[in-house]
Protein backbone atom coordinates (compact mmCIF):
# COMPACT_ATOMS: atom_id res chain seq x y z
CA MET A 1 0.04 0.03 0.01
CA SER A 2 1.40 3.38 -1.02
CA LYS A 3 2.19 5.98 1.68
CA ARG A 4 1.16 9.53 0.92
CA LEU A 5 2.24 12.68 2.69
CA VAL A 6 0.08 15.82 2.31
CA LEU A 7 1.64 19.10 3.47
CA PHE A 8 -0.62 22.19 3.92
CA ASP A 9 0.49 25.77 4.53
CA PHE A 10 -1.94 27.37 7.09
CA ASP A 11 -2.37 31.09 6.58
CA GLY A 12 -3.75 32.01 3.21
CA THR A 13 -3.96 28.36 2.05
CA LEU A 14 -6.16 26.64 4.61
CA THR A 15 -7.40 29.93 5.96
CA GLN A 16 -8.91 32.89 4.16
CA LYS A 17 -7.00 35.45 6.26
CA ASP A 18 -3.70 35.74 8.17
CA THR A 19 -4.32 34.40 11.61
CA LEU A 20 -1.67 36.44 13.36
CA PHE A 21 -3.64 39.71 12.83
CA GLN A 22 -6.90 37.86 13.42
CA PHE A 23 -5.55 36.61 16.74
CA ILE A 24 -4.30 40.05 17.80
CA ARG A 25 -7.72 41.50 17.16
CA TYR A 26 -9.37 38.66 19.03
CA TYR A 27 -7.00 39.05 22.02
CA HIS A 28 -6.92 42.85 22.33
CA GLY A 29 -10.09 44.05 20.60
CA ALA A 30 -10.63 46.23 17.54
CA ILE A 31 -9.59 49.62 19.09
CA ILE A 32 -6.12 48.47 20.42
CA PHE A 33 -5.48 46.31 17.32
CA LEU A 34 -6.11 49.26 14.89
CA ALA A 35 -4.19 51.71 17.03
CA GLY A 36 -1.29 49.21 17.19
CA LEU A 37 -1.36 48.75 13.38
CA ALA A 38 -1.20 52.55 12.98
CA VAL A 39 1.94 52.67 15.19
CA LEU A 40 3.53 49.65 13.35
CA SER A 41 2.57 50.81 9.82
CA PRO A 42 6.26 51.67 8.92
CA VAL A 43 7.24 48.10 9.80
CA LEU A 44 4.50 46.65 7.59
CA VAL A 45 5.43 48.94 4.76
CA PHE A 46 9.06 47.90 5.01
CA LEU A 47 7.94 44.17 5.02
CA LYS A 48 5.69 44.70 1.96
CA LEU A 49 8.62 46.37 0.15
CA GLY A 50 10.96 43.48 0.98
CA LEU A 51 13.09 45.71 3.03
CA LEU A 52 12.48 43.86 6.26
CA ASP A 53 12.76 40.17 6.96
CA ASN A 54 9.47 38.33 7.64
CA GLY A 55 10.77 36.93 10.93
CA LYS A 56 12.11 40.23 12.18
CA ALA A 57 8.81 41.92 11.29
CA LYS A 58 6.92 39.24 13.20
CA GLU A 59 8.96 39.72 16.24
CA ILE A 60 8.40 43.54 16.23
CA VAL A 61 4.65 42.90 16.02
CA LEU A 62 4.77 40.22 18.74
CA ARG A 63 6.79 42.29 21.09
CA PHE A 64 4.52 45.24 20.61
CA PHE A 65 1.31 43.35 21.37
CA PHE A 66 2.43 40.51 23.67
CA LYS A 67 5.70 41.16 25.39
CA ASP A 68 5.71 39.94 29.03
CA THR A 69 2.21 38.33 28.68
CA PRO A 70 1.97 35.35 31.09
CA LEU A 71 2.28 32.13 29.05
CA GLU A 72 -0.71 30.49 30.76
CA ILE A 73 -2.99 33.43 29.87
CA PHE A 74 -1.59 33.58 26.28
CA ASN A 75 -2.08 29.88 25.69
CA SER A 76 -5.55 29.87 27.10
CA ARG A 77 -6.54 32.65 24.70
CA CYS A 78 -4.84 30.82 21.85
CA SER A 79 -6.95 27.67 22.62
CA ASP A 80 -10.12 29.73 22.67
CA PHE A 81 -9.17 31.36 19.42
CA ALA A 82 -8.42 27.94 17.75
CA GLN A 83 -11.83 26.57 18.96
CA LYS A 84 -14.09 29.68 18.43
CA ARG A 85 -12.55 31.59 15.50
CA ILE A 86 -10.31 29.44 13.30
CA PRO A 87 -13.08 27.14 12.06
CA ALA A 88 -14.85 30.18 10.44
CA LEU A 89 -11.57 31.21 8.80
CA ILE A 90 -11.01 27.88 7.08
CA ARG A 91 -11.76 27.75 3.32
CA PRO A 92 -14.48 25.20 2.76
CA SER A 93 -12.65 23.86 -0.29
CA ALA A 94 -9.45 23.47 1.74
CA MET A 95 -11.30 21.65 4.48
CA LEU A 96 -12.73 19.25 1.88
CA ARG A 97 -9.17 18.52 0.56
CA LEU A 98 -7.88 17.99 4.03
CA SER A 99 -10.79 15.78 5.04
CA ASN A 100 -10.29 13.72 1.87
CA ALA A 101 -6.63 13.24 2.59
CA LEU A 102 -7.53 12.00 6.06
CA LYS A 103 -10.06 9.59 4.71
CA ASP A 104 -7.36 8.26 2.30
CA GLN A 105 -5.22 7.60 5.32
CA SER A 106 -2.56 9.97 4.07
CA LYS A 107 -0.17 11.48 6.56
CA VAL A 108 -1.42 15.11 6.89
CA VAL A 109 0.89 17.84 8.27
CA VAL A 110 0.15 21.52 8.62
CA VAL A 111 3.35 23.60 8.21
CA SER A 112 2.93 27.21 9.35
CA ALA A 113 4.87 30.46 10.03
CA SER A 114 2.19 31.34 12.57
CA PRO A 115 2.98 30.46 16.19
CA GLU A 116 2.19 26.92 17.19
CA ASN A 117 0.31 28.33 20.18
CA TRP A 118 -2.93 28.65 18.21
CA VAL A 119 -2.20 26.47 15.09
CA MET A 120 -1.48 23.35 17.16
CA PRO A 121 -4.70 23.34 19.18
CA TRP A 122 -6.70 23.53 15.91
CA CYS A 123 -4.53 20.76 14.40
CA ASN A 124 -4.90 18.60 17.51
CA SER A 125 -8.69 18.79 17.27
CA LEU A 126 -8.38 17.03 13.92
CA ASN A 127 -5.57 14.71 14.90
CA ILE A 128 -3.22 16.35 12.44
CA GLN A 129 0.48 16.94 13.00
CA CYS A 130 1.63 20.54 13.33
CA ILE A 131 4.94 22.21 12.51
CA ALA A 132 4.91 25.97 13.27
CA THR A 133 6.90 28.80 14.60
CA ARG A 134 7.83 28.53 18.22
CA LEU A 135 7.72 31.56 20.56
CA GLN A 136 10.39 32.28 23.06
CA VAL A 137 9.31 32.08 26.70
CA VAL A 138 11.25 33.70 29.54
CA ASP A 139 10.19 33.20 33.18
CA GLN A 140 6.81 31.74 31.94
CA ARG A 141 6.08 34.94 29.92
CA ILE A 142 6.02 35.60 26.17
CA SER A 143 9.19 37.57 25.36
CA GLY A 144 8.00 38.69 21.89
CA LYS A 145 10.86 36.87 20.21
CA ILE A 146 10.92 33.69 18.13
CA ASN A 147 12.47 30.60 19.60
CA GLY A 148 14.86 29.41 16.76
CA LYS A 149 13.84 30.55 13.30
CA ASN A 150 10.58 31.75 11.81
CA CYS A 151 8.95 28.62 10.13
CA HIS A 152 8.95 30.23 6.75
CA GLY A 153 10.77 29.56 3.49
CA LYS A 154 13.75 27.25 3.82
CA GLU A 155 13.01 26.75 7.49
CA LYS A 156 9.78 24.94 6.62
CA VAL A 157 11.86 22.29 4.79
CA THR A 158 14.40 22.11 7.74
CA ARG A 159 11.61 21.58 10.25
CA ILE A 160 9.75 18.96 8.03
CA LYS A 161 12.99 16.96 7.67
CA GLU A 162 13.59 17.14 11.48
CA VAL A 163 10.43 15.19 12.12
CA LEU A 164 9.69 13.25 9.00
CA SER A 165 11.69 10.87 6.78
CA LEU A 166 10.56 11.84 3.34
CA ASP A 167 11.92 8.59 1.83
CA ASP A 168 9.13 6.79 3.69
CA PHE A 169 6.55 8.26 1.36
CA ASP A 170 5.78 7.24 -2.21
CA GLN A 171 3.99 10.46 -2.98
CA ILE A 172 4.21 13.93 -1.49
CA ILE A 173 1.46 16.51 -2.13
CA ALA A 174 1.94 20.15 -0.99
CA TYR A 175 -0.41 23.05 -0.88
CA GLY A 176 0.84 26.69 -0.50
CA ASP A 177 -0.03 30.26 -1.46
CA SER A 178 3.02 32.44 -1.11
CA LYS A 179 6.77 32.73 -1.67
CA GLY A 180 7.28 31.53 1.89
CA ASP A 181 5.99 28.08 0.74
CA ARG A 182 8.20 27.69 -2.34
CA GLU A 183 10.92 25.53 -0.74
CA MET A 184 8.28 23.31 0.79
CA LEU A 185 6.45 22.93 -2.54
CA GLN A 186 9.77 21.89 -4.18
CA LEU A 187 9.64 18.72 -1.95
CA ALA A 188 6.43 17.55 -3.58
CA HIS A 189 5.56 15.30 -6.50
CA GLN A 190 2.25 17.12 -6.86
CA VAL A 191 2.09 20.91 -6.17
CA HIS A 192 -0.99 23.02 -5.56
CA TYR A 193 -0.13 26.70 -5.50
CA GLN A 194 -2.95 29.17 -4.76
CA SER A 195 -5.50 26.56 -5.76
CA LEU A 196 -7.78 26.20 -2.77
């Protein structure tokens, strides 16, 4: 029996919107979220223009909104977000592909640049493996920094190979929607780019 691996990017592929900003709004409310975006607008412009690394930009945003937040409180809100908000953000067509892959007994893995704190609880609810960005914790508080590297671009491949032996699979299928997924897509026999 052939073994199939199906890799899904999360933000923009499985979801209709970027969950980092959706989570910030969920956590802090619309007023603080919008005020924060106004303050951080130069960072977002530099990111859009390619003048700032994706990981560095993410750390600036995380520090601004979450530095020194107790881990227990942060993770509790992440779990709530995963349960109450993420399902409405999932593309129906993506959920169908994911469900079909599970029915076919494929190994399904979500690989995300978003923090595992809210991606993993959603994945766990479906018994799907999660590989995502890890946040640094100091004295049981969110520091606002990333632990290791942002799970984006080449780092996605590095993290995949850390936990999976790709030679164990006869077929690899990958879904992505941005340049941050390109290296992961190159691992696949069957590529779906911006097609969900």
